[in-house]
Amino acid sequence: MNGQPLTDQAPADTAPLRLGTRRSALAMAQSGMVAREVTRLTGRPVELVEITTYGDTSREALAQIGGTGVFVSALRDALLEGRIDFAVHSLKDLPTAEPAGLVLAAVPEREDVRDALVACEGLTLEELAEKLAGAGRAARIGTGSPRRMAQLNAWARARGAQIETVAIRGNVDTRIGYVASGELDAVVLATAGLNRLGRAAEVTEHLDPELMIPAPGQGALAIECTTAAPALAAALAALDHAPTRVAVAAERALLAALEAGCSAPVAGLATWGHQHELRLEGVVGTADGATLLKMSAHGPIVLDETAEQQAAALGHALAARLLDAGAAALMGERAR
């Protein structure tokens, strides 16, 4: 391919496609899954191109280094510079602003959306809090997410349980290692990531969305390529799962309308009901769990070319209600 970006005019239809991915074990596992599917669909070999992002090298909290985009910008630069042909992201890492020159070619079918507890001695959240209360101390639970902190602390307040949420960074091994070493009593991770890494057996409890609504886009992948490669975009579109794409469009519209990022305790989950009805739940709160706004909206969505716009309208409507109820102040931001 001589280092040039793949376009419709690329002469070698059998040349390997270059898939850009972060270097983490989870990113490599996710990209490997997509690579195998692309090869199956197109007959083209796919080679993984490992790219280090600023979010991978910095140990600072995400809120301090720019939020979700820190995991994406280096991959997008590689796309626009022609060093890779397409990229795979965890969709919850994508900023909500549309990037110039790039297209979201596919959103494959979503994995399990739930958060998962990995706790010492195989305990559930309730069991952990009770056991350590008997020992005279709070349960120390690690997470890097203000969203998770807000909902965990709200759960504890509602039950009179004693927990201490501890901010952590690091890959899955590092986070679970805190529990194995006894530094923390539990950590909360995305179920989808653990499943993709073959580590589902380490989950001690799947947290029901009634307790813990996930991040917008959680469990979904995003496959991006450039607008200069429409044939490749069309080929990748075979991996698209319309119900997932539309659901995450509602969630991301909610996030965008709230003008929130990973530094704000915001959750959103869209689920399909009967007769093409989409139900969107949103949560905004304070990290200490003292205040939690939880609202929902629903409406029928026709799965046609306007479906994403319909879903986005649902997200915007729910965001407006949350803002009217004081969400901006809870996020510590002023809605513009």
C-alpha atoms as a PDB file:
ATOM      1  CA  MET A   1       0.000   0.000   0.000  1.00  0.00           C
ATOM      2  CA  ASN A   2       3.136   2.149   0.012  1.00  0.00           C
ATOM      3  CA  GLY A   3       2.010   4.167   3.044  1.00  0.00           C
ATOM      4  CA  GLN A   4      -0.872   5.776   1.139  1.00  0.00           C
ATOM      5  CA  PRO A   5      -4.434   5.882   2.478  1.00  0.00           C
ATOM      6  CA  LEU A   6      -6.842   3.394   0.989  1.00  0.00           C
ATOM      7  CA  THR A   7      -9.372   5.075  -1.285  1.00  0.00           C
ATOM      8  CA  ASP A   8     -11.681   3.852  -4.030  1.00  0.00           C
ATOM      9  CA  GLN A   9      -8.758   4.295  -6.430  1.00  0.00           C
ATOM     10  CA  ALA A  10      -6.422   1.979  -4.452  1.00  0.00           C
ATOM     11  CA  PRO A  11      -5.061  -0.503  -7.023  1.00  0.00           C
ATOM     12  CA  ALA A  12      -4.491  -3.539  -4.798  1.00  0.00           C
ATOM     13  CA  ASP A  13      -7.746  -5.114  -3.632  1.00  0.00           C
ATOM     14  CA  THR A  14      -5.852  -7.898  -1.865  1.00  0.00           C
ATOM     15  CA  ALA A  15      -3.433  -5.655   0.053  1.00  0.00           C
ATOM     16  CA  PRO A  16      -3.824  -5.794   3.842  1.00  0.00           C
ATOM     17  CA  LEU A  17      -6.086  -3.236   5.428  1.00  0.00           C
ATOM     18  CA  ARG A  18      -4.429  -1.367   8.282  1.00  0.00           C
ATOM     19  CA  LEU A  19      -6.572  -1.241  11.411  1.00  0.00           C
ATOM     20  CA  GLY A  20      -5.483   1.325  13.989  1.00  0.00           C
ATOM     21  CA  THR A  21      -5.902   0.338  17.621  1.00  0.00           C
ATOM     22  CA  ARG A  22      -4.764   1.359  21.066  1.00  0.00           C
ATOM     23  CA  ARG A  23      -2.138  -0.926  22.611  1.00  0.00           C
ATOM     24  CA  SER A  24      -4.100  -2.068  25.664  1.00  0.00           C
ATOM     25  CA  ALA A  25      -5.075  -5.721  25.947  1.00  0.00           C
ATOM     26  CA  LEU A  26      -8.755  -4.789  25.759  1.00  0.00           C
ATOM     27  CA  ALA A  27      -8.332  -2.577  22.693  1.00  0.00           C
ATOM     28  CA  MET A  28      -6.295  -5.293  20.963  1.00  0.00           C
ATOM     29  CA  ALA A  29      -8.946  -7.901  21.765  1.00  0.00           C
ATOM     30  CA  GLN A  30     -11.730  -5.672  20.427  1.00  0.00           C
ATOM     31  CA  SER A  31      -9.794  -4.776  17.294  1.00  0.00           C
ATOM     32  CA  GLY A  32      -8.893  -8.422  16.702  1.00  0.00           C
ATOM     33  CA  MET A  33     -12.590  -9.325  16.751  1.00  0.00           C
ATOM     34  CA  VAL A  34     -13.350  -6.622  14.184  1.00  0.00           C
ATOM     35  CA  ALA A  35     -10.348  -7.586  12.046  1.00  0.00           C
ATOM     36  CA  ARG A  36     -11.546 -11.178  11.782  1.00  0.00           C
ATOM     37  CA  GLU A  37     -15.032 -10.040  10.765  1.00  0.00           C
ATOM     38  CA  VAL A  38     -13.688  -7.636   8.146  1.00  0.00           C
ATOM     39  CA  THR A  39     -11.541 -10.395   6.669  1.00  0.00           C
ATOM     40  CA  ARG A  40     -14.521 -12.759   6.648  1.00  0.00           C
ATOM     41  CA  LEU A  41     -16.697 -10.208   4.859  1.00  0.00           C
ATOM     42  CA  THR A  42     -14.177  -8.813   2.381  1.00  0.00           C
ATOM     43  CA  GLY A  43     -11.571 -11.542   1.956  1.00  0.00           C
ATOM     44  CA  ARG A  44      -8.922  -8.908   2.685  1.00  0.00           C
ATOM     45  CA  PRO A  45      -6.256  -9.566   5.323  1.00  0.00           C
ATOM     46  CA  VAL A  46      -6.221  -7.016   8.147  1.00  0.00           C
ATOM     47  CA  GLU A  47      -3.108  -6.016  10.064  1.00  0.00           C
ATOM     48  CA  LEU A  48      -3.299  -4.292  13.449  1.00  0.00           C
ATOM     49  CA  VAL A  49      -1.347  -1.063  13.771  1.00  0.00           C
ATOM     50  CA  GLU A  50      -0.725  -0.252  17.430  1.00  0.00           C
ATOM     51  CA  ILE A  51      -0.943   3.424  18.307  1.00  0.00           C
ATOM     52  CA  THR A  52      -0.215   4.924  21.703  1.00  0.00           C
ATOM     53  CA  THR A  53      -2.635   7.630  22.808  1.00  0.00           C
ATOM     54  CA  TYR A  54      -2.043  10.301  25.418  1.00  0.00           C
ATOM     55  CA  GLY A  55      -4.711   8.703  27.562  1.00  0.00           C
ATOM     56  CA  ASP A  56      -2.657   5.502  27.646  1.00  0.00           C
ATOM     57  CA  THR A  57       0.563   7.154  28.815  1.00  0.00           C
ATOM     58  CA  SER A  58      -0.756   9.731  31.288  1.00  0.00           C
ATOM     59  CA  ARG A  59      -1.479   8.667  34.862  1.00  0.00           C
ATOM     60  CA  GLU A  60      -3.546  11.774  35.583  1.00  0.00           C
ATOM     61  CA  ALA A  61      -7.307  11.609  36.065  1.00  0.00           C
ATOM     62  CA  LEU A  62      -9.210  11.812  32.786  1.00  0.00           C
ATOM     63  CA  ALA A  63     -10.905  15.034  33.870  1.00  0.00           C
ATOM     64  CA  GLN A  64      -7.483  16.694  34.111  1.00  0.00           C
ATOM     65  CA  ILE A  65      -6.178  15.612  30.701  1.00  0.00           C
ATOM     66  CA  GLY A  66      -9.162  16.367  28.513  1.00  0.00           C
ATOM     67  CA  GLY A  67     -11.636  13.569  28.970  1.00  0.00           C
ATOM     68  CA  THR A  68     -12.684  10.917  26.504  1.00  0.00           C
ATOM     69  CA  GLY A  69     -10.957  12.412  23.446  1.00  0.00           C
ATOM     70  CA  VAL A  70      -7.509  11.563  24.819  1.00  0.00           C
ATOM     71  CA  PHE A  71      -8.050   7.935  23.762  1.00  0.00           C
ATOM     72  CA  VAL A  72      -9.220   8.859  20.266  1.00  0.00           C
ATOM     73  CA  SER A  73      -7.268  11.807  18.855  1.00  0.00           C
ATOM     74  CA  ALA A  74      -4.062   9.901  18.009  1.00  0.00           C
ATOM     75  CA  LEU A  75      -6.055   7.275  16.103  1.00  0.00           C
ATOM     76  CA  ARG A  76      -7.964   9.953  14.219  1.00  0.00           C
ATOM     77  CA  ASP A  77      -4.729  11.733  13.335  1.00  0.00           C
ATOM     78  CA  ALA A  78      -3.369   8.463  11.943  1.00  0.00           C
ATOM     79  CA  LEU A  79      -6.493   8.059   9.814  1.00  0.00           C
ATOM     80  CA  LEU A  80      -6.340  11.573   8.407  1.00  0.00           C
ATOM     81  CA  GLU A  81      -2.610  11.244   7.732  1.00  0.00           C
ATOM     82  CA  GLY A  82      -3.107   7.962   5.831  1.00  0.00           C
ATOM     83  CA  ARG A  83      -1.081   5.809   8.235  1.00  0.00           C
ATOM     84  CA  ILE A  84      -4.067   3.515   8.829  1.00  0.00           C
ATOM     85  CA  ASP A  85      -7.196   2.690   6.825  1.00  0.00           C
ATOM     86  CA  PHE A  86      -9.728   2.377   9.635  1.00  0.00           C
ATOM     87  CA  ALA A  87      -9.835   2.468  13.408  1.00  0.00           C
ATOM     88  CA  VAL A  88     -11.752   0.743  16.177  1.00  0.00           C
ATOM     89  CA  HIS A  89     -12.731   2.634  19.333  1.00  0.00           C
ATOM     90  CA  SER A  90     -14.764   1.889  22.419  1.00  0.00           C
ATOM     91  CA  LEU A  91     -17.751   4.007  21.487  1.00  0.00           C
ATOM     92  CA  LYS A  92     -18.028   5.571  24.939  1.00  0.00           C
ATOM     93  CA  ASP A  93     -14.559   7.085  24.292  1.00  0.00           C
ATOM     94  CA  LEU A  94     -15.732   9.049  21.240  1.00  0.00           C
ATOM     95  CA  PRO A  95     -16.340  12.780  21.698  1.00  0.00           C
ATOM     96  CA  THR A  96     -19.865  13.700  20.631  1.00  0.00           C
ATOM     97  CA  ALA A  97     -18.710  16.343  18.107  1.00  0.00           C
ATOM     98  CA  GLU A  98     -18.643  15.155  14.493  1.00  0.00           C
ATOM     99  CA  PRO A  99     -15.032  15.044  13.184  1.00  0.00           C
ATOM    100  CA  ALA A 100     -14.249  16.622   9.803  1.00  0.00           C
ATOM    101  CA  GLY A 101     -13.039  14.166   7.195  1.00  0.00           C
ATOM    102  CA  LEU A 102     -14.096  11.030   9.091  1.00  0.00           C
ATOM    103  CA  VAL A 103     -17.169   8.818   9.015  1.00  0.00           C
ATOM    104  CA  LEU A 104     -18.596   6.419  11.585  1.00  0.00           C
ATOM    105  CA  ALA A 105     -18.761   3.494   9.185  1.00  0.00           C
ATOM    106  CA  ALA A 106     -20.243   0.926  11.582  1.00  0.00           C
ATOM    107  CA  VAL A 107     -21.486   0.361  15.104  1.00  0.00           C
ATOM    108  CA  PRO A 108     -21.549  -3.435  15.595  1.00  0.00           C
ATOM    109  CA  GLU A 109     -24.077  -5.144  17.818  1.00  0.00           C
ATOM    110  CA  ARG A 110     -23.609  -4.120  21.417  1.00  0.00           C
ATOM    111  CA  GLU A 111     -22.154  -6.317  24.150  1.00  0.00           C
ATOM    112  CA  ASP A 112     -23.539  -6.464  27.700  1.00  0.00           C
ATOM    113  CA  VAL A 113     -24.102  -2.855  28.810  1.00  0.00           C
ATOM    114  CA  ARG A 114     -23.885  -3.486  32.553  1.00  0.00           C
ATOM    115  CA  ASP A 115     -21.169  -2.551  34.998  1.00  0.00           C
ATOM    116  CA  ALA A 116     -19.565  -5.365  36.945  1.00  0.00           C
ATOM    117  CA  LEU A 117     -18.254  -5.652  40.489  1.00  0.00           C
ATOM    118  CA  VAL A 118     -15.045  -7.586  41.062  1.00  0.00           C
ATOM    119  CA  ALA A 119     -14.821  -7.967  44.838  1.00  0.00           C
ATOM    120  CA  CYS A 120     -12.744  -9.833  47.369  1.00  0.00           C
ATOM    121  CA  GLU A 121     -13.967 -13.261  48.457  1.00  0.00           C
ATOM    122  CA  GLY A 122     -16.512 -13.335  45.620  1.00  0.00           C
ATOM    123  CA  LEU A 123     -18.856 -10.973  47.471  1.00  0.00           C
ATOM    124  CA  THR A 124     -21.735  -8.968  46.046  1.00  0.00           C
ATOM    125  CA  LEU A 125     -21.984  -5.246  46.751  1.00  0.00           C
ATOM    126  CA  GLU A 126     -24.540  -5.798  49.506  1.00  0.00           C
ATOM    127  CA  GLU A 127     -22.505  -8.605  51.076  1.00  0.00           C
ATOM    128  CA  LEU A 128     -19.304  -6.573  50.899  1.00  0.00           C
ATOM    129  CA  ALA A 129     -20.825  -3.562  52.651  1.00  0.00           C
ATOM    130  CA  GLU A 130     -22.368  -5.743  55.357  1.00  0.00           C
ATOM    131  CA  LYS A 131     -19.191  -7.759  55.981  1.00  0.00           C
ATOM    132  CA  LEU A 132     -16.956  -4.726  56.350  1.00  0.00           C
ATOM    133  CA  ALA A 133     -19.500  -2.832  58.435  1.00  0.00           C
ATOM    134  CA  GLY A 134     -19.236  -5.750  60.839  1.00  0.00           C
ATOM    135  CA  ALA A 135     -15.472  -5.226  60.839  1.00  0.00           C
ATOM    136  CA  GLY A 136     -15.972  -1.566  61.676  1.00  0.00           C
ATOM    137  CA  ARG A 137     -14.899   0.011  58.403  1.00  0.00           C
ATOM    138  CA  ALA A 138     -16.193   1.170  55.053  1.00  0.00           C
ATOM    139  CA  ALA A 139     -15.808  -0.902  51.909  1.00  0.00           C
ATOM    140  CA  ARG A 140     -13.174   0.632  49.621  1.00  0.00           C
ATOM    141  CA  ILE A 141     -14.363   0.454  46.005  1.00  0.00           C
ATOM    142  CA  GLY A 142     -12.191   1.634  43.130  1.00  0.00           C
ATOM    143  CA  THR A 143     -13.358   3.284  39.926  1.00  0.00           C
ATOM    144  CA  GLY A 144     -12.108   5.993  37.605  1.00  0.00           C
ATOM    145  CA  SER A 145     -15.637   7.119  36.738  1.00  0.00           C
ATOM    146  CA  PRO A 146     -17.509   9.989  38.454  1.00  0.00           C
ATOM    147  CA  ARG A 147     -20.695   8.403  37.057  1.00  0.00           C
ATOM    148  CA  ARG A 148     -20.025   5.188  38.944  1.00  0.00           C
ATOM    149  CA  MET A 149     -19.008   7.073  42.066  1.00  0.00           C
ATOM    150  CA  ALA A 150     -22.244   9.072  42.058  1.00  0.00           C
ATOM    151  CA  GLN A 151     -24.457   6.009  41.728  1.00  0.00           C
ATOM    152  CA  LEU A 152     -22.493   3.867  44.190  1.00  0.00           C
ATOM    153  CA  ASN A 153     -22.603   6.625  46.787  1.00  0.00           C
ATOM    154  CA  ALA A 154     -26.314   7.209  46.178  1.00  0.00           C
ATOM    155  CA  TRP A 155     -26.926   3.474  46.676  1.00  0.00           C
ATOM    156  CA  ALA A 156     -24.974   3.551  49.940  1.00  0.00           C
ATOM    157  CA  ARG A 157     -26.826   6.618  51.227  1.00  0.00           C
ATOM    158  CA  ALA A 158     -30.198   5.040  50.469  1.00  0.00           C
ATOM    159  CA  ARG A 159     -29.288   1.922  52.453  1.00  0.00           C
ATOM    160  CA  GLY A 160     -27.225   3.461  55.218  1.00  0.00           C
ATOM    161  CA  ALA A 161     -24.241   1.457  53.981  1.00  0.00           C
ATOM    162  CA  GLN A 162     -20.649   2.573  54.474  1.00  0.00           C
ATOM    163  CA  ILE A 163     -18.520   2.680  51.343  1.00  0.00           C
ATOM    164  CA  GLU A 164     -15.551   4.755  50.207  1.00  0.00           C
ATOM    165  CA  THR A 165     -15.144   5.290  46.475  1.00  0.00           C
ATOM    166  CA  VAL A 166     -11.487   5.527  45.445  1.00  0.00           C
ATOM    167  CA  ALA A 167     -10.382   7.131  42.156  1.00  0.00           C
ATOM    168  CA  ILE A 168      -8.142   4.799  40.135  1.00  0.00           C
ATOM    169  CA  ARG A 169      -6.633   4.575  36.639  1.00  0.00           C
ATOM    170  CA  GLY A 170      -5.002   1.712  34.777  1.00  0.00           C
ATOM    171  CA  ASN A 171      -5.828  -1.287  32.630  1.00  0.00           C
ATOM    172  CA  VAL A 172      -7.983  -4.225  33.686  1.00  0.00           C
ATOM    173  CA  ASP A 173      -5.042  -6.141  35.166  1.00  0.00           C
ATOM    174  CA  THR A 174      -3.988  -3.146  37.242  1.00  0.00           C
ATOM    175  CA  ARG A 175      -7.488  -2.494  38.551  1.00  0.00           C
ATOM    176  CA  ILE A 176      -8.263  -6.079  39.466  1.00  0.00           C
ATOM    177  CA  GLY A 177      -4.781  -6.261  40.974  1.00  0.00           C
ATOM    178  CA  TYR A 178      -5.816  -3.698  43.579  1.00  0.00           C
ATOM    179  CA  VAL A 179      -8.383  -6.212  44.839  1.00  0.00           C
ATOM    180  CA  ALA A 180      -6.021  -9.175  44.695  1.00  0.00           C
ATOM    181  CA  SER A 181      -3.423  -7.247  46.727  1.00  0.00           C
ATOM    182  CA  GLY A 182      -5.949  -6.146  49.331  1.00  0.00           C
ATOM    183  CA  GLU A 183      -5.406  -2.449  48.601  1.00  0.00           C
ATOM    184  CA  LEU A 184      -9.071  -2.217  47.608  1.00  0.00           C
ATOM    185  CA  ASP A 185     -12.041  -4.365  48.526  1.00  0.00           C
ATOM    186  CA  ALA A 186     -13.607  -4.166  45.061  1.00  0.00           C
ATOM    187  CA  VAL A 187     -13.449  -2.428  41.714  1.00  0.00           C
ATOM    188  CA  VAL A 188     -16.176  -1.641  39.186  1.00  0.00           C
ATOM    189  CA  LEU A 189     -15.484  -2.302  35.510  1.00  0.00           C
ATOM    190  CA  ALA A 190     -17.522  -2.626  32.323  1.00  0.00           C
ATOM    191  CA  THR A 191     -18.891  -6.138  31.848  1.00  0.00           C
ATOM    192  CA  ALA A 192     -18.320  -5.890  28.079  1.00  0.00           C
ATOM    193  CA  GLY A 193     -14.591  -5.414  28.492  1.00  0.00           C
ATOM    194  CA  LEU A 194     -14.253  -8.348  30.853  1.00  0.00           C
ATOM    195  CA  ASN A 195     -16.252 -10.529  28.466  1.00  0.00           C
ATOM    196  CA  ARG A 196     -14.075  -9.546  25.502  1.00  0.00           C
ATOM    197  CA  LEU A 197     -10.948 -10.340  27.488  1.00  0.00           C
ATOM    198  CA  GLY A 198     -12.287 -13.761  28.508  1.00  0.00           C
ATOM    199  CA  ARG A 199     -12.412 -12.714  32.163  1.00  0.00           C
ATOM    200  CA  ALA A 200     -16.145 -12.972  32.821  1.00  0.00           C
ATOM    201  CA  ALA A 201     -15.514 -15.553  35.564  1.00  0.00           C
ATOM    202  CA  GLU A 202     -13.904 -12.866  37.721  1.00  0.00           C
ATOM    203  CA  VAL A 203     -17.151 -10.898  38.017  1.00  0.00           C
ATOM    204  CA  THR A 204     -18.695 -11.284  41.457  1.00  0.00           C
ATOM    205  CA  GLU A 205     -21.851  -9.327  40.617  1.00  0.00           C
ATOM    206  CA  HIS A 206     -23.367  -7.741  37.538  1.00  0.00           C
ATOM    207  CA  LEU A 207     -24.805  -4.413  38.673  1.00  0.00           C
ATOM    208  CA  ASP A 208     -28.383  -4.033  37.519  1.00  0.00           C
ATOM    209  CA  PRO A 209     -29.017  -0.806  35.554  1.00  0.00           C
ATOM    210  CA  GLU A 210     -31.635   0.035  38.180  1.00  0.00           C
ATOM    211  CA  LEU A 211     -28.678   0.517  40.537  1.00  0.00           C
ATOM    212  CA  MET A 212     -26.037   1.603  38.035  1.00  0.00           C
ATOM    213  CA  ILE A 213     -26.992   3.075  34.665  1.00  0.00           C
ATOM    214  CA  PRO A 214     -24.002   2.734  32.318  1.00  0.00           C
ATOM    215  CA  ALA A 215     -22.121   5.411  30.390  1.00  0.00           C
ATOM    216  CA  PRO A 216     -23.558   6.512  27.034  1.00  0.00           C
ATOM    217  CA  GLY A 217     -22.269   4.080  24.431  1.00  0.00           C
ATOM    218  CA  GLN A 218     -20.986   1.541  26.959  1.00  0.00           C
ATOM    219  CA  GLY A 219     -20.581  -1.947  25.510  1.00  0.00           C
ATOM    220  CA  ALA A 220     -20.568  -0.695  21.905  1.00  0.00           C
ATOM    221  CA  LEU A 221     -17.700  -0.327  19.435  1.00  0.00           C
ATOM    222  CA  ALA A 222     -17.191   2.361  16.809  1.00  0.00           C
ATOM    223  CA  ILE A 223     -15.481   1.716  13.463  1.00  0.00           C
ATOM    224  CA  GLU A 224     -14.213   4.857  11.729  1.00  0.00           C
ATOM    225  CA  CYS A 225     -12.637   5.529   8.352  1.00  0.00           C
ATOM    226  CA  THR A 226     -12.133   8.602   6.214  1.00  0.00           C
ATOM    227  CA  THR A 227     -14.669  10.195   3.914  1.00  0.00           C
ATOM    228  CA  ALA A 228     -12.039   9.737   1.166  1.00  0.00           C
ATOM    229  CA  ALA A 229     -12.674   5.966   1.215  1.00  0.00           C
ATOM    230  CA  PRO A 230     -16.380   5.470   0.444  1.00  0.00           C
ATOM    231  CA  ALA A 231     -15.877   1.925  -0.840  1.00  0.00           C
ATOM    232  CA  LEU A 232     -14.205   0.919   2.408  1.00  0.00           C
ATOM    233  CA  ALA A 233     -16.942   2.667   4.394  1.00  0.00           C
ATOM    234  CA  ALA A 234     -19.555   0.718   2.443  1.00  0.00           C
ATOM    235  CA  ALA A 235     -17.750  -2.563   3.108  1.00  0.00           C
ATOM    236  CA  LEU A 236     -17.427  -1.822   6.833  1.00  0.00           C
ATOM    237  CA  ALA A 237     -21.113  -0.905   6.965  1.00  0.00           C
ATOM    238  CA  ALA A 238     -21.879  -4.627   6.727  1.00  0.00           C
ATOM    239  CA  LEU A 239     -20.830  -4.791  10.399  1.00  0.00           C
ATOM    240  CA  ASP A 240     -23.372  -2.160  11.426  1.00  0.00           C
ATOM    241  CA  HIS A 241     -26.233  -3.117  13.751  1.00  0.00           C
ATOM    242  CA  ALA A 242     -29.002  -0.581  13.273  1.00  0.00           C
ATOM    243  CA  PRO A 243     -30.756  -1.050  16.648  1.00  0.00           C
ATOM    244  CA  THR A 244     -27.450  -0.506  18.473  1.00  0.00           C
ATOM    245  CA  ARG A 245     -26.497   2.478  16.338  1.00  0.00           C
ATOM    246  CA  VAL A 246     -29.847   4.166  16.945  1.00  0.00           C
ATOM    247  CA  ALA A 247     -29.830   3.450  20.682  1.00  0.00           C
ATOM    248  CA  VAL A 248     -26.373   4.935  21.165  1.00  0.00           C
ATOM    249  CA  ALA A 249     -27.370   7.931  19.034  1.00  0.00           C
ATOM    250  CA  ALA A 250     -30.009   8.730  21.667  1.00  0.00           C
ATOM    251  CA  GLU A 251     -27.513   8.307  24.496  1.00  0.00           C
ATOM    252  CA  ARG A 252     -24.858  10.448  22.828  1.00  0.00           C
ATOM    253  CA  ALA A 253     -27.375  13.166  21.990  1.00  0.00           C
ATOM    254  CA  LEU A 254     -28.289  13.276  25.682  1.00  0.00           C
ATOM    255  CA  LEU A 255     -24.608  13.631  26.593  1.00  0.00           C
ATOM    256  CA  ALA A 256     -23.982  16.304  23.955  1.00  0.00           C
ATOM    257  CA  ALA A 257     -27.027  18.366  24.950  1.00  0.00           C
ATOM    258  CA  LEU A 258     -25.921  18.273  28.574  1.00  0.00           C
ATOM    259  CA  GLU A 259     -22.495  19.479  27.383  1.00  0.00           C
ATOM    260  CA  ALA A 260     -20.974  16.835  29.622  1.00  0.00           C
ATOM    261  CA  GLY A 261     -17.918  14.622  29.331  1.00  0.00           C
ATOM    262  CA  CYS A 262     -16.219  11.968  31.402  1.00  0.00           C
ATOM    263  CA  SER A 263     -15.570  14.476  34.206  1.00  0.00           C
ATOM    264  CA  ALA A 264     -19.303  14.787  34.901  1.00  0.00           C
ATOM    265  CA  PRO A 265     -21.413  12.142  36.683  1.00  0.00           C
ATOM    266  CA  VAL A 266     -23.740  11.496  33.720  1.00  0.00           C
ATOM    267  CA  ALA A 267     -25.258   8.161  32.720  1.00  0.00           C
ATOM    268  CA  GLY A 268     -27.517   7.218  29.833  1.00  0.00           C
ATOM    269  CA  LEU A 269     -29.031   4.006  28.516  1.00  0.00           C
ATOM    270  CA  ALA A 270     -31.444   3.472  25.624  1.00  0.00           C
ATOM    271  CA  THR A 271     -33.270   0.153  25.369  1.00  0.00           C
ATOM    272  CA  TRP A 272     -35.744  -1.195  22.859  1.00  0.00           C
ATOM    273  CA  GLY A 273     -39.259  -2.192  23.872  1.00  0.00           C
ATOM    274  CA  HIS A 274     -42.266  -3.474  21.951  1.00  0.00           C
ATOM    275  CA  GLN A 275     -43.294  -2.023  18.589  1.00  0.00           C
ATOM    276  CA  HIS A 276     -40.009  -0.215  17.990  1.00  0.00           C
ATOM    277  CA  GLU A 277     -40.330   1.927  21.106  1.00  0.00           C
ATOM    278  CA  LEU A 278     -37.050   3.311  22.434  1.00  0.00           C
ATOM    279  CA  ARG A 279     -36.785   4.089  26.137  1.00  0.00           C
ATOM    280  CA  LEU A 280     -33.982   6.407  27.243  1.00  0.00           C
ATOM    281  CA  GLU A 281     -32.945   6.748  30.880  1.00  0.00           C
ATOM    282  CA  GLY A 282     -30.635   9.493  32.050  1.00  0.00           C
ATOM    283  CA  VAL A 283     -28.914  10.230  35.336  1.00  0.00           C
ATOM    284  CA  VAL A 284     -27.053  13.328  36.460  1.00  0.00           C
ATOM    285  CA  GLY A 285     -25.752  13.680  39.988  1.00  0.00           C
ATOM    286  CA  THR A 286     -23.026  14.725  42.346  1.00  0.00           C
ATOM    287  CA  ALA A 287     -20.063  12.411  42.851  1.00  0.00           C
ATOM    288  CA  ASP A 288     -20.857  12.040  46.550  1.00  0.00           C
ATOM    289  CA  GLY A 289     -24.309  10.681  45.696  1.00  0.00           C
ATOM    290  CA  ALA A 290     -26.077  13.328  47.774  1.00  0.00           C
ATOM    291  CA  THR A 291     -28.203  14.387  44.814  1.00  0.00           C
ATOM    292  CA  LEU A 292     -29.156  12.217  41.869  1.00  0.00           C
ATOM    293  CA  LEU A 293     -31.539  13.274  39.109  1.00  0.00           C
ATOM    294  CA  LYS A 294     -32.995  10.316  37.246  1.00  0.00           C
ATOM    295  CA  MET A 295     -35.455  10.762  34.388  1.00  0.00           C
ATOM    296  CA  SER A 296     -36.615   8.843  31.348  1.00  0.00           C
ATOM    297  CA  ALA A 297     -38.224   9.471  27.983  1.00  0.00           C
ATOM    298  CA  HIS A 298     -39.629   7.136  25.377  1.00  0.00           C
ATOM    299  CA  GLY A 299     -41.095   7.158  21.933  1.00  0.00           C
ATOM    300  CA  PRO A 300     -41.556   5.081  18.766  1.00  0.00           C
ATOM    301  CA  ILE A 301     -38.602   5.046  16.375  1.00  0.00           C
ATOM    302  CA  VAL A 302     -38.948   4.000  12.757  1.00  0.00           C
ATOM    303  CA  LEU A 303     -35.789   2.205  11.652  1.00  0.00           C
ATOM    304  CA  ASP A 304     -35.329   4.129   8.420  1.00  0.00           C
ATOM    305  CA  GLU A 305     -32.819   6.701   7.213  1.00  0.00           C
ATOM    306  CA  THR A 306     -34.109   9.209   9.790  1.00  0.00           C
ATOM    307  CA  ALA A 307     -33.850   6.846  12.771  1.00  0.00           C
ATOM    308  CA  GLU A 308     -30.712   8.439  14.222  1.00  0.00           C
ATOM    309  CA  GLN A 309     -32.283  11.890  13.999  1.00  0.00           C
ATOM    310  CA  GLN A 310     -35.403  10.576  15.753  1.00  0.00           C
ATOM    311  CA  ALA A 311     -33.271   9.062  18.498  1.00  0.00           C
ATOM    312  CA  ALA A 312     -31.225  12.250  18.854  1.00  0.00           C
ATOM    313  CA  ALA A 313     -34.438  14.243  19.310  1.00  0.00           C
ATOM    314  CA  LEU A 314     -35.364  11.913  22.173  1.00  0.00           C
ATOM    315  CA  GLY A 315     -31.951  12.508  23.755  1.00  0.00           C
ATOM    316  CA  HIS A 316     -32.234  16.277  23.390  1.00  0.00           C
ATOM    317  CA  ALA A 317     -35.717  16.289  24.919  1.00  0.00           C
ATOM    318  CA  LEU A 318     -34.576  14.323  27.950  1.00  0.00           C
ATOM    319  CA  ALA A 319     -31.524  16.560  28.378  1.00  0.00           C
ATOM    320  CA  ALA A 320     -33.770  19.638  28.357  1.00  0.00           C
ATOM    321  CA  ARG A 321     -35.856  18.200  31.166  1.00  0.00           C
ATOM    322  CA  LEU A 322     -32.768  17.337  33.199  1.00  0.00           C
ATOM    323  CA  LEU A 323     -31.366  20.836  32.687  1.00  0.00           C
ATOM    324  CA  ASP A 324     -34.675  22.363  33.751  1.00  0.00           C
ATOM    325  CA  ALA A 325     -34.416  20.292  36.937  1.00  0.00           C
ATOM    326  CA  GLY A 326     -30.946  21.666  37.737  1.00  0.00           C
ATOM    327  CA  ALA A 327     -28.567  19.211  36.043  1.00  0.00           C
ATOM    328  CA  ALA A 328     -26.040  21.880  35.047  1.00  0.00           C
ATOM    329  CA  ALA A 329     -25.432  22.888  38.635  1.00  0.00           C
ATOM    330  CA  LEU A 330     -25.033  19.255  39.680  1.00  0.00           C
ATOM    331  CA  MET A 331     -22.385  18.697  37.018  1.00  0.00           C
ATOM    332  CA  GLY A 332     -20.540  21.764  38.222  1.00  0.00           C
ATOM    333  CA  GLU A 333     -20.908  23.304  34.782  1.00  0.00           C
ATOM    334  CA  ARG A 334     -23.058  26.069  33.425  1.00  0.00           C
ATOM    335  CA  ALA A 335     -25.125  25.067  30.426  1.00  0.00           C
ATOM    336  CA  ARG A 336     -24.484  27.500  27.614  1.00  0.00           C
END
